[in-house]
Amino acid sequence: MKQSSPSSGATPKAPLDLLANDPSLLLHLLLLVVIITGGLCLDSLFRVLSSSVRDWRALWSELLVASALAGVLGSYLWRMQRAILADRRRVVLLAAIIIAAGLAAKLIVPGHVLTPYLFPMAAATMLVAVLLDVQLAVVVGIILSLLVGFVGGKSLDLTVYTLVGSVIGALAVSPTGRLSTFAWAALAVGVVNSVVAVSFRLLGVGSDVVGLLELVGASLANGVLSVSLAFTTFFWLGTLLGITTPVQLVELARPTHPLAKRLLLEAPGTYHHSLMVGNLGERAAELIGADPLVVRVAALHHDVGKCLRPYFFVENQTAGENYHEQLDAKTSAQIIISHVQDSLELARKHRFPTAVLDVIAQHHGTTRVGFGHFYQQAVKESNGQVSEVDFCYPGPRPRSKEAAVVMLADGVEAAVRASGATSAAEIERVVRKLTNDRLISGELDDCDLTLRELGIIGNAFVQVLQGFAHTRIQYPEKDSVERSGA
């Protein structure tokens, strides 16, 4: 848990301090720079080695440019995106996209007149924006556009053309990966490309209507090609490298998903509880900058393991039915604790992404089972000779904002329902008490929530719960005259 005060007196860590804590960051950075530099110059090296007359100047020229561009990218990542450097899969993905786009540009752009305007460079930045980060995609667009200008005969118009289209493509696509955003991105890239291409051609000598129409057609086709390539590629690219994609999450968030349908049929009370946790968590995640789609999916499936023994959980019990009355407190606690592992096993069988599995594993942290009810019951039964560990979830505690939000939403929904709170004041009191309990007990120590964000989460919960807890008008029955048909 972080303090949100800017005057906390903490000093930022120096690069050497960071290296001491995690030297793999520097290794990943150096490998990324070397791989990108080498990959972009691979074709030139092959041409030099296979030619009878070896001109090393062209190779050295490309090597210097590629190393400079890779160095700029590395500096940006080191300064602004260390989280990406810490993940080898994302480093590999980034390097693969840049090398593939760069080599394709060197193959298509030089020596052609109209073909360079068809080259779908914006596809690369769209992939980076959807799979990694939008700001990083803009930086990649700048680097690749400079490379295109270099290999295209130091052409300013191609540089600007590629730069503007790539940046617009990165900004136009949505991290949710929705088809509609890709369609709008195709239009945006095509229109902007057309404007840039025509504006440079009008400055030239001998521009004609047919040539301008050809440029406009190529520019519009560029937008369609870029979006088509990006949309078809990111479906399998994230899965291949084990990176969670928005499309995966959207698929898992569907109420028709097999696990969601099973939960609805076998543990309907848990299903409706999960929907409510999703509503609470998604709203809070949006307000604090966490991933609302991860929260929605994790909330929907966080208790799916309860469908294996649904009637041991209160939300699935009918009036007068409680199987725990036939068991001792420790056995009851162990049955309830096991639902986390059961949920993880079911989620793994359905190939849930790691981001969701982590939230499922962490959503109870190391809290006591049933708000301490079974522990207190065991203490009474055994005159105080009880191990508290047997009545606590094994953890780990939430390590991300998403996991913390789901933990808080899960607890708040259960606490408000148990208390029967309906008024705004009652709901707020329950929400504040639970969030403060989680904070004081240390359950939020391992995640990067600030106190300010915790307050925002609480306010979001209160607003959503008020909407569900509102009272309805008691409609009168039909009067006796109307019932008698008079």
Protein backbone atom coordinates (compact mmCIF):
# COMPACT_ATOMS: atom_id res chain seq x y z
CA MET A 1 0.00 0.00 0.00
CA LYS A 2 1.45 3.33 -1.03
CA GLN A 3 0.98 6.70 0.59
CA SER A 4 -0.40 9.24 -1.85
CA SER A 5 1.22 12.24 -0.24
CA PRO A 6 3.86 13.88 -2.43
CA SER A 7 5.74 15.10 0.61
CA SER A 8 6.54 11.66 1.97
CA GLY A 9 10.26 12.38 1.68
CA ALA A 10 10.98 9.31 -0.43
CA THR A 11 13.75 9.79 -2.94
CA PRO A 12 13.66 8.10 -6.34
CA LYS A 13 16.02 5.18 -6.78
CA ALA A 14 19.09 5.68 -8.90
CA PRO A 15 19.61 3.39 -11.91
CA LEU A 16 22.43 1.53 -10.13
CA ASP A 17 20.13 0.86 -7.17
CA LEU A 18 17.55 -0.59 -9.53
CA LEU A 19 20.19 -2.76 -11.17
CA ALA A 20 21.25 -4.07 -7.79
CA ASN A 21 17.67 -5.10 -7.06
CA ASP A 22 16.95 -6.56 -10.51
CA PRO A 23 19.99 -6.89 -12.82
CA SER A 24 17.86 -8.73 -15.39
CA LEU A 25 16.42 -5.38 -16.46
CA LEU A 26 19.74 -4.26 -17.89
CA LEU A 27 20.25 -7.63 -19.55
CA HIS A 28 16.83 -7.44 -21.20
CA LEU A 29 17.54 -3.88 -22.32
CA LEU A 30 20.89 -4.77 -23.89
CA LEU A 31 19.45 -7.86 -25.58
CA LEU A 32 16.58 -5.84 -27.00
CA VAL A 33 18.92 -3.21 -28.47
CA VAL A 34 21.29 -5.82 -29.90
CA ILE A 35 18.51 -8.00 -31.34
CA ILE A 36 16.73 -5.08 -32.99
CA THR A 37 19.97 -3.67 -34.39
CA GLY A 38 21.08 -7.03 -35.72
CA GLY A 39 17.65 -7.96 -37.04
CA LEU A 40 17.25 -4.75 -38.99
CA CYS A 41 20.67 -5.20 -40.61
CA LEU A 42 20.40 -8.93 -41.25
CA ASP A 43 19.43 -8.58 -44.93
CA SER A 44 22.26 -6.13 -45.60
CA LEU A 45 24.78 -8.46 -43.99
CA PHE A 46 23.53 -11.32 -46.13
CA ARG A 47 23.84 -9.24 -49.31
CA VAL A 48 27.39 -8.21 -48.44
CA LEU A 49 28.51 -11.76 -47.67
CA SER A 50 26.88 -13.21 -50.78
CA SER A 51 28.23 -10.54 -53.16
CA SER A 52 31.52 -10.89 -54.99
CA VAL A 53 32.17 -7.17 -54.54
CA ARG A 54 31.66 -6.42 -50.88
CA ASP A 55 30.67 -2.85 -50.08
CA TRP A 56 30.85 -2.58 -46.30
CA ARG A 57 29.93 1.11 -46.26
CA ALA A 58 26.21 0.48 -46.82
CA LEU A 59 26.21 -2.13 -44.06
CA TRP A 60 27.96 0.18 -41.61
CA SER A 61 25.57 2.99 -42.50
CA GLU A 62 22.51 0.86 -41.78
CA LEU A 63 24.15 -0.56 -38.67
CA LEU A 64 24.75 2.92 -37.23
CA VAL A 65 21.20 4.09 -38.01
CA ALA A 66 19.64 0.91 -36.61
CA SER A 67 21.72 1.07 -33.42
CA ALA A 68 20.81 4.72 -32.92
CA LEU A 69 17.08 4.02 -33.33
CA ALA A 70 17.29 0.93 -31.09
CA GLY A 71 19.15 3.01 -28.53
CA VAL A 72 16.39 5.63 -28.51
CA LEU A 73 13.81 2.90 -27.96
CA GLY A 74 15.91 1.36 -25.20
CA SER A 75 16.32 4.72 -23.47
CA TYR A 76 12.57 5.29 -23.55
CA LEU A 77 11.85 1.84 -22.12
CA TRP A 78 14.46 2.29 -19.39
CA ARG A 79 13.06 5.67 -18.42
CA MET A 80 9.32 5.13 -18.83
CA GLN A 81 8.45 1.44 -19.34
CA ARG A 82 10.57 -0.74 -17.05
CA ALA A 83 7.62 -3.07 -16.51
CA ILE A 84 7.88 -4.14 -20.16
CA LEU A 85 11.62 -4.71 -19.82
CA ALA A 86 10.95 -6.97 -16.84
CA ASP A 87 8.76 -9.27 -18.95
CA ARG A 88 10.75 -11.35 -21.43
CA ARG A 89 7.65 -12.23 -23.44
CA ARG A 90 6.87 -8.58 -24.04
CA VAL A 91 10.49 -7.84 -24.94
CA VAL A 92 10.41 -10.64 -27.50
CA LEU A 93 7.08 -9.43 -28.88
CA LEU A 94 8.30 -5.84 -29.22
CA ALA A 95 11.53 -6.88 -30.92
CA ALA A 96 9.67 -9.21 -33.31
CA ILE A 97 7.21 -6.51 -34.38
CA ILE A 98 9.94 -3.91 -35.00
CA ILE A 99 12.23 -6.29 -36.88
CA ALA A 100 9.41 -7.67 -39.04
CA ALA A 101 8.16 -4.16 -39.89
CA GLY A 102 11.68 -2.86 -40.55
CA LEU A 103 12.71 -5.73 -42.83
CA ALA A 104 9.41 -5.51 -44.72
CA ALA A 105 9.98 -1.77 -45.22
CA LYS A 106 13.48 -2.38 -46.59
CA LEU A 107 12.04 -4.93 -49.01
CA ILE A 108 9.02 -2.92 -50.24
CA VAL A 109 9.90 0.78 -50.00
CA PRO A 110 13.19 1.28 -51.96
CA GLY A 111 12.99 1.66 -55.72
CA HIS A 112 9.21 2.00 -55.99
CA VAL A 113 6.94 4.97 -56.63
CA LEU A 114 3.44 4.00 -55.52
CA THR A 115 4.11 0.82 -53.50
CA PRO A 116 5.58 2.65 -50.46
CA TYR A 117 2.24 4.39 -50.00
CA LEU A 118 0.56 0.98 -49.75
CA PHE A 119 3.01 -0.33 -47.15
CA PRO A 120 0.91 -0.97 -43.97
CA MET A 121 3.35 0.31 -41.37
CA ALA A 122 0.49 1.40 -39.11
CA ALA A 123 -0.24 -2.29 -38.45
CA ALA A 124 2.92 -2.49 -36.34
CA THR A 125 1.98 0.42 -34.10
CA MET A 126 -1.58 -0.87 -33.76
CA LEU A 127 -0.27 -4.21 -32.54
CA VAL A 128 2.01 -2.52 -30.03
CA ALA A 129 -0.86 -0.32 -28.83
CA VAL A 130 -3.28 -3.20 -28.32
CA LEU A 131 -0.85 -5.78 -26.94
CA LEU A 132 1.60 -3.58 -25.02
CA ASP A 133 1.06 0.16 -24.53
CA VAL A 134 -0.26 3.13 -26.51
CA GLN A 135 2.57 5.52 -25.59
CA LEU A 136 5.12 2.88 -26.53
CA ALA A 137 3.30 2.45 -29.85
CA VAL A 138 3.76 6.16 -30.62
CA VAL A 139 7.51 5.88 -29.93
CA VAL A 140 7.71 2.79 -32.14
CA GLY A 141 5.88 4.71 -34.86
CA ILE A 142 8.46 7.50 -34.71
CA ILE A 143 11.35 5.05 -34.90
CA LEU A 144 9.89 3.05 -37.79
CA SER A 145 8.98 6.16 -39.77
CA LEU A 146 12.58 7.41 -39.49
CA LEU A 147 13.75 4.02 -40.72
CA VAL A 148 11.35 4.18 -43.69
CA GLY A 149 12.64 7.64 -44.58
CA PHE A 150 16.21 6.34 -44.43
CA VAL A 151 15.69 3.27 -46.60
CA GLY A 152 13.41 5.21 -48.97
CA GLY A 153 16.18 7.48 -50.18
CA LYS A 154 16.07 9.99 -47.31
CA SER A 155 12.53 10.90 -48.36
CA LEU A 156 10.86 13.50 -46.16
CA ASP A 157 7.38 12.88 -47.56
CA LEU A 158 7.56 9.12 -46.88
CA THR A 159 8.85 9.82 -43.37
CA VAL A 160 5.98 12.17 -42.54
CA TYR A 161 3.47 9.92 -44.33
CA THR A 162 4.51 6.86 -42.31
CA LEU A 163 4.82 8.81 -39.06
CA VAL A 164 1.38 10.41 -39.16
CA GLY A 165 -0.37 7.21 -40.27
CA SER A 166 1.38 5.08 -37.64
CA VAL A 167 0.68 7.47 -34.79
CA ILE A 168 -2.97 7.92 -35.78
CA GLY A 169 -3.33 4.14 -36.02
CA ALA A 170 -1.89 3.65 -32.54
CA LEU A 171 -4.16 6.30 -31.05
CA ALA A 172 -7.28 5.16 -32.90
CA VAL A 173 -7.39 1.52 -31.82
CA SER A 174 -8.85 0.69 -28.45
CA PRO A 175 -7.13 -1.49 -25.84
CA THR A 176 -10.40 -3.44 -25.65
CA GLY A 177 -9.73 -4.80 -29.14
CA ARG A 178 -13.28 -4.17 -30.33
CA LEU A 179 -13.99 -4.57 -34.02
CA SER A 180 -15.65 -1.15 -34.22
CA THR A 181 -12.48 0.63 -33.11
CA PHE A 182 -10.47 -1.14 -35.79
CA ALA A 183 -13.00 -0.04 -38.41
CA TRP A 184 -12.70 3.59 -37.32
CA ALA A 185 -8.92 3.23 -37.23
CA ALA A 186 -8.91 2.10 -40.88
CA LEU A 187 -10.86 5.20 -41.86
CA ALA A 188 -8.67 7.53 -39.77
CA VAL A 189 -5.40 6.12 -41.14
CA GLY A 190 -6.67 6.22 -44.74
CA VAL A 191 -7.92 9.79 -44.54
CA VAL A 192 -4.83 11.16 -42.78
CA ASN A 193 -2.52 9.32 -45.17
CA SER A 194 -4.41 10.81 -48.11
CA VAL A 195 -4.08 14.34 -46.75
CA VAL A 196 -0.33 13.99 -46.15
CA ALA A 197 0.37 12.34 -49.51
CA VAL A 198 -1.62 14.90 -51.51
CA SER A 199 -0.14 17.84 -49.63
CA PHE A 200 3.43 16.79 -50.49
CA ARG A 201 2.51 15.97 -54.11
CA LEU A 202 0.95 19.41 -54.61
CA LEU A 203 4.28 20.96 -53.67
CA GLY A 204 6.01 19.03 -56.45
CA VAL A 205 6.27 19.86 -60.11
CA GLY A 206 3.93 18.29 -62.65
CA SER A 207 1.28 16.92 -60.32
CA ASP A 208 -1.76 15.69 -62.22
CA VAL A 209 -5.27 14.60 -61.27
CA VAL A 210 -4.68 10.95 -62.13
CA GLY A 211 -1.53 10.83 -60.00
CA LEU A 212 -3.34 12.46 -57.07
CA LEU A 213 -6.21 9.97 -57.35
CA GLU A 214 -3.74 7.10 -57.38
CA LEU A 215 -2.13 8.44 -54.21
CA VAL A 216 -5.50 8.84 -52.50
CA GLY A 217 -6.47 5.30 -53.50
CA ALA A 218 -3.18 3.89 -52.22
CA SER A 219 -3.51 5.84 -48.97
CA LEU A 220 -7.05 4.60 -48.32
CA ALA A 221 -5.98 1.06 -49.16
CA ASN A 222 -3.10 1.49 -46.73
CA GLY A 223 -5.57 2.09 -43.90
CA VAL A 224 -7.57 -1.02 -44.76
CA LEU A 225 -4.45 -3.18 -45.15
CA SER A 226 -2.96 -1.93 -41.88
CA VAL A 227 -6.09 -2.63 -39.87
CA SER A 228 -6.70 -6.00 -41.53
CA LEU A 229 -3.14 -7.12 -40.82
CA ALA A 230 -3.23 -5.89 -37.21
CA PHE A 231 -6.66 -7.37 -36.48
CA THR A 232 -5.84 -10.81 -37.87
CA THR A 233 -2.40 -10.93 -36.28
CA PHE A 234 -3.07 -9.97 -32.69
CA PHE A 235 -5.57 -12.83 -32.29
CA TRP A 236 -2.83 -15.46 -32.34
CA LEU A 237 0.25 -13.38 -31.48
CA GLY A 238 -0.76 -12.83 -27.85
CA THR A 239 -1.70 -16.48 -27.41
CA LEU A 240 1.57 -17.65 -28.96
CA LEU A 241 3.64 -15.60 -26.49
CA GLY A 242 1.32 -16.06 -23.51
CA ILE A 243 0.28 -12.41 -23.40
CA THR A 244 -3.26 -11.62 -22.29
CA THR A 245 -5.19 -9.96 -25.10
CA PRO A 246 -8.46 -8.03 -24.90
CA VAL A 247 -10.08 -10.55 -27.23
CA GLN A 248 -9.34 -13.36 -24.77
CA LEU A 249 -10.85 -11.35 -21.95
CA VAL A 250 -13.96 -10.40 -23.93
CA GLU A 251 -14.48 -14.09 -24.72
CA LEU A 252 -14.13 -15.05 -21.04
CA ALA A 253 -16.47 -12.25 -19.94
CA ARG A 254 -19.39 -13.65 -21.94
CA PRO A 255 -22.23 -15.02 -19.77
CA THR A 256 -22.44 -17.91 -22.26
CA HIS A 257 -18.94 -19.11 -21.40
CA PRO A 258 -19.11 -22.77 -20.25
CA LEU A 259 -17.81 -21.99 -16.74
CA ALA A 260 -20.25 -19.11 -16.30
CA LYS A 261 -23.15 -21.29 -17.46
CA ARG A 262 -22.08 -24.06 -15.11
CA LEU A 263 -21.93 -21.65 -12.20
CA LEU A 264 -25.39 -20.31 -13.04
CA LEU A 265 -26.94 -23.78 -13.16
CA GLU A 266 -25.13 -25.39 -10.21
CA ALA A 267 -24.55 -22.44 -7.86
CA PRO A 268 -27.00 -19.68 -8.87
CA GLY A 269 -26.48 -17.69 -5.69
CA THR A 270 -22.74 -17.56 -6.27
CA TYR A 271 -23.34 -16.60 -9.90
CA HIS A 272 -25.42 -13.56 -8.97
CA HIS A 273 -22.93 -12.63 -6.26
CA SER A 274 -20.16 -12.77 -8.90
CA LEU A 275 -22.10 -10.53 -11.25
CA MET A 276 -22.48 -7.97 -8.49
CA VAL A 277 -18.77 -8.16 -7.63
CA GLY A 278 -18.04 -7.58 -11.32
CA ASN A 279 -20.25 -4.47 -11.41
CA LEU A 280 -18.58 -3.07 -8.31
CA GLY A 281 -15.05 -3.93 -9.38
CA GLU A 282 -15.35 -2.74 -12.96
CA ARG A 283 -16.55 0.69 -11.93
CA ALA A 284 -13.80 1.08 -9.32
CA ALA A 285 -11.12 -0.14 -11.73
CA GLU A 286 -12.11 2.44 -14.33
CA LEU A 287 -11.76 5.26 -11.80
CA ILE A 288 -8.28 4.31 -10.51
CA GLY A 289 -6.72 3.35 -13.85
CA ALA A 290 -6.72 -0.43 -13.33
CA ASP A 291 -7.80 -2.85 -16.09
CA PRO A 292 -11.62 -3.05 -15.87
CA LEU A 293 -11.80 -6.00 -18.27
CA VAL A 294 -9.43 -8.12 -16.17
CA VAL A 295 -11.46 -7.20 -13.09
CA ARG A 296 -14.75 -8.07 -14.81
CA VAL A 297 -13.50 -11.49 -15.96
CA ALA A 298 -11.83 -12.33 -12.65
CA ALA A 299 -14.92 -11.28 -10.70
CA LEU A 300 -17.20 -13.43 -12.84
CA HIS A 301 -15.05 -16.53 -12.28
CA HIS A 302 -13.38 -15.89 -8.91
CA ASP A 303 -15.73 -18.28 -7.06
CA VAL A 304 -16.43 -20.77 -9.84
CA GLY A 305 -14.94 -23.54 -7.69
CA LYS A 306 -18.00 -23.29 -5.43
CA CYS A 307 -20.02 -25.17 -8.05
CA LEU A 308 -18.25 -28.37 -6.88
CA ARG A 309 -19.86 -28.08 -3.42
CA PRO A 310 -22.45 -25.31 -3.82
CA TYR A 311 -24.59 -25.95 -0.74
CA PHE A 312 -21.73 -25.38 1.67
CA PHE A 313 -21.87 -21.69 0.77
CA VAL A 314 -24.55 -19.50 2.28
CA GLU A 315 -25.61 -17.76 -0.93
CA ASN A 316 -26.70 -21.13 -2.35
CA GLN A 317 -28.51 -22.39 0.76
CA THR A 318 -32.26 -22.36 1.08
CA ALA A 319 -34.10 -21.40 4.26
CA GLY A 320 -33.38 -23.74 7.15
CA GLU A 321 -30.61 -25.58 5.30
CA ASN A 322 -27.05 -25.39 6.60
CA TYR A 323 -24.68 -28.32 6.13
CA HIS A 324 -22.11 -26.71 8.42
CA GLU A 325 -24.29 -27.52 11.42
CA GLN A 326 -23.29 -31.16 10.93
CA LEU A 327 -19.54 -30.41 10.82
CA ASP A 328 -16.93 -29.09 13.21
CA ALA A 329 -15.63 -25.57 12.62
CA LYS A 330 -12.22 -26.63 11.25
CA THR A 331 -13.73 -28.96 8.63
CA SER A 332 -16.17 -26.25 7.57
CA ALA A 333 -13.35 -23.74 7.23
CA GLN A 334 -11.23 -26.11 5.14
CA ILE A 335 -14.15 -26.78 2.77
CA ILE A 336 -14.67 -23.07 2.24
CA ILE A 337 -10.94 -22.39 1.84
CA SER A 338 -10.72 -25.10 -0.83
CA HIS A 339 -12.97 -23.16 -3.21
CA VAL A 340 -10.04 -20.92 -4.19
CA GLN A 341 -7.92 -23.85 -5.34
CA ASP A 342 -10.95 -25.44 -7.01
CA SER A 343 -11.59 -22.20 -8.88
CA LEU A 344 -7.96 -22.06 -10.03
CA GLU A 345 -8.02 -25.64 -11.29
CA LEU A 346 -11.22 -25.08 -13.28
CA ALA A 347 -9.85 -21.83 -14.71
CA ARG A 348 -6.59 -23.51 -15.74
CA LYS A 349 -8.51 -26.30 -17.50
CA HIS A 350 -10.24 -23.61 -19.57
CA ARG A 351 -6.89 -21.92 -20.29
CA PHE A 352 -7.52 -18.66 -18.50
CA PRO A 353 -4.71 -16.09 -18.88
CA THR A 354 -2.23 -15.56 -16.07
CA ALA A 355 -3.60 -12.10 -15.23
CA VAL A 356 -6.98 -13.60 -14.32
CA LEU A 357 -5.51 -16.64 -12.54
CA ASP A 358 -3.47 -14.33 -10.31
CA VAL A 359 -6.57 -12.40 -9.25
CA ILE A 360 -8.46 -15.61 -8.48
CA ALA A 361 -5.59 -16.87 -6.34
CA GLN A 362 -5.23 -13.57 -4.45
CA HIS A 363 -8.81 -12.38 -4.00
CA HIS A 364 -9.03 -13.61 -0.39
CA GLY A 365 -5.43 -12.91 0.54
CA THR A 366 -4.71 -14.26 4.02
CA THR A 367 -8.00 -13.18 5.59
CA ARG A 368 -9.97 -15.29 8.06
CA VAL A 369 -12.68 -17.53 6.63
CA GLY A 370 -16.21 -16.18 6.96
CA PHE A 371 -15.08 -12.90 8.56
CA GLY A 372 -13.68 -14.92 11.49
CA HIS A 373 -16.94 -16.73 12.26
CA PHE A 374 -15.50 -20.26 12.09
CA TYR A 375 -12.43 -19.29 14.08
CA GLN A 376 -14.55 -17.89 16.90
CA GLN A 377 -16.72 -20.99 16.81
CA ALA A 378 -13.66 -23.24 17.04
CA VAL A 379 -12.33 -21.24 19.98
CA LYS A 380 -15.59 -21.82 21.85
CA GLU A 381 -15.60 -25.53 21.02
CA SER A 382 -12.00 -26.17 22.11
CA ASN A 383 -11.59 -23.69 24.97
CA GLY A 384 -9.05 -21.57 23.09
CA GLN A 385 -6.64 -24.29 21.85
CA VAL A 386 -6.95 -23.39 18.15
CA SER A 387 -4.42 -22.63 15.42
CA GLU A 388 -5.50 -19.47 13.64
CA VAL A 389 -3.66 -20.57 10.47
CA ASP A 390 -6.24 -23.32 9.93
CA PHE A 391 -8.93 -20.67 9.61
CA CYS A 392 -7.17 -18.31 7.21
CA TYR A 393 -6.83 -18.41 3.45
CA PRO A 394 -3.28 -19.34 2.38
CA GLY A 395 -2.79 -16.28 0.16
CA PRO A 396 -0.94 -14.73 -1.48
CA ARG A 397 -2.15 -11.25 -0.72
CA PRO A 398 -3.20 -9.04 -3.65
CA ARG A 399 -0.19 -8.00 -5.69
CA SER A 400 -1.96 -5.82 -8.24
CA LYS A 401 -4.64 -3.16 -8.26
CA GLU A 402 -6.96 -5.56 -10.06
CA ALA A 403 -6.62 -8.23 -7.38
CA ALA A 404 -7.11 -5.66 -4.61
CA VAL A 405 -10.25 -4.30 -6.27
CA VAL A 406 -11.76 -7.78 -6.60
CA MET A 407 -10.90 -8.59 -2.97
CA LEU A 408 -12.58 -5.41 -1.74
CA ALA A 409 -15.61 -5.79 -4.03
CA ASP A 410 -16.05 -9.41 -2.96
CA GLY A 411 -15.92 -8.53 0.72
CA VAL A 412 -18.10 -5.43 0.41
CA GLU A 413 -20.84 -7.24 -1.51
CA ALA A 414 -20.98 -10.03 1.07
CA ALA A 415 -20.84 -7.62 4.04
CA VAL A 416 -23.58 -5.32 2.72
CA ARG A 417 -25.82 -8.28 1.90
CA ALA A 418 -25.24 -9.83 5.35
CA SER A 419 -25.91 -6.57 7.18
CA GLY A 420 -29.11 -5.83 5.27
CA ALA A 421 -28.00 -2.22 4.77
CA THR A 422 -30.27 -0.24 2.44
CA SER A 423 -29.73 3.44 3.20
CA ALA A 424 -26.77 5.39 1.88
CA ALA A 425 -25.40 5.94 5.37
CA GLU A 426 -25.62 2.26 6.29
CA ILE A 427 -23.98 1.16 3.05
CA GLU A 428 -21.20 3.69 3.42
CA ARG A 429 -20.54 2.59 6.99
CA VAL A 430 -20.20 -1.07 5.95
CA VAL A 431 -17.96 -0.19 2.99
CA ARG A 432 -15.64 2.01 5.05
CA LYS A 433 -15.38 -0.57 7.81
CA LEU A 434 -14.42 -3.38 5.47
CA THR A 435 -11.89 -1.35 3.46
CA ASN A 436 -10.30 -0.06 6.67
CA ASP A 437 -10.12 -3.60 8.07
CA ARG A 438 -8.34 -4.83 4.95
CA LEU A 439 -5.94 -1.89 5.12
CA ILE A 440 -5.13 -2.22 8.82
CA SER A 441 -4.71 -6.00 8.65
CA GLY A 442 -2.04 -5.58 5.96
CA GLU A 443 -3.91 -7.32 3.17
CA LEU A 444 -3.17 -4.41 0.81
CA ASP A 445 0.52 -4.06 1.66
CA ASP A 446 1.77 -5.93 -1.40
CA CYS A 447 -0.17 -4.01 -4.05
CA ASP A 448 0.39 -0.48 -5.35
CA LEU A 449 -2.86 1.12 -4.27
CA THR A 450 -2.60 4.58 -2.72
CA LEU A 451 -4.80 5.84 0.10
CA ARG A 452 -6.41 8.24 -2.35
CA GLU A 453 -7.28 5.38 -4.71
CA LEU A 454 -8.67 3.39 -1.80
CA GLY A 455 -11.03 6.28 -1.06
CA ILE A 456 -12.07 6.42 -4.72
CA ILE A 457 -12.80 2.69 -4.68
CA GLY A 458 -14.96 3.07 -1.57
CA ASN A 459 -16.97 5.92 -3.11
CA ALA A 460 -17.51 3.88 -6.29
CA PHE A 461 -18.77 0.93 -4.26
CA VAL A 462 -21.23 3.11 -2.36
CA GLN A 463 -22.63 4.63 -5.55
CA VAL A 464 -23.13 1.26 -7.23
CA LEU A 465 -24.61 -0.39 -4.14
CA GLN A 466 -27.07 2.46 -3.64
CA GLY A 467 -28.41 1.80 -7.11
CA PHE A 468 -29.06 -1.84 -6.27
CA ALA A 469 -30.38 -1.26 -2.75
CA HIS A 470 -33.03 1.33 -3.62
CA THR A 471 -36.54 0.79 -2.28
CA ARG A 472 -39.57 0.30 -4.48
CA ILE A 473 -43.09 1.67 -4.18
CA GLN A 474 -45.57 -0.73 -2.60
CA TYR A 475 -48.33 -0.95 -5.20
CA PRO A 476 -51.85 -1.45 -3.77
CA GLU A 477 -53.83 -4.51 -4.71
CA LYS A 478 -56.90 -4.11 -6.88
CA ASP A 479 -59.87 -2.96 -4.84
CA SER A 480 -62.70 -5.32 -3.98
CA VAL A 481 -65.05 -3.74 -6.52
CA GLU A 482 -62.61 -4.33 -9.37
CA ARG A 483 -61.93 -7.91 -8.20
CA SER A 484 -65.66 -8.69 -8.12
CA GLY A 485 -66.06 -7.43 -11.66
CA ALA A 486 -68.57 -4.73 -10.68
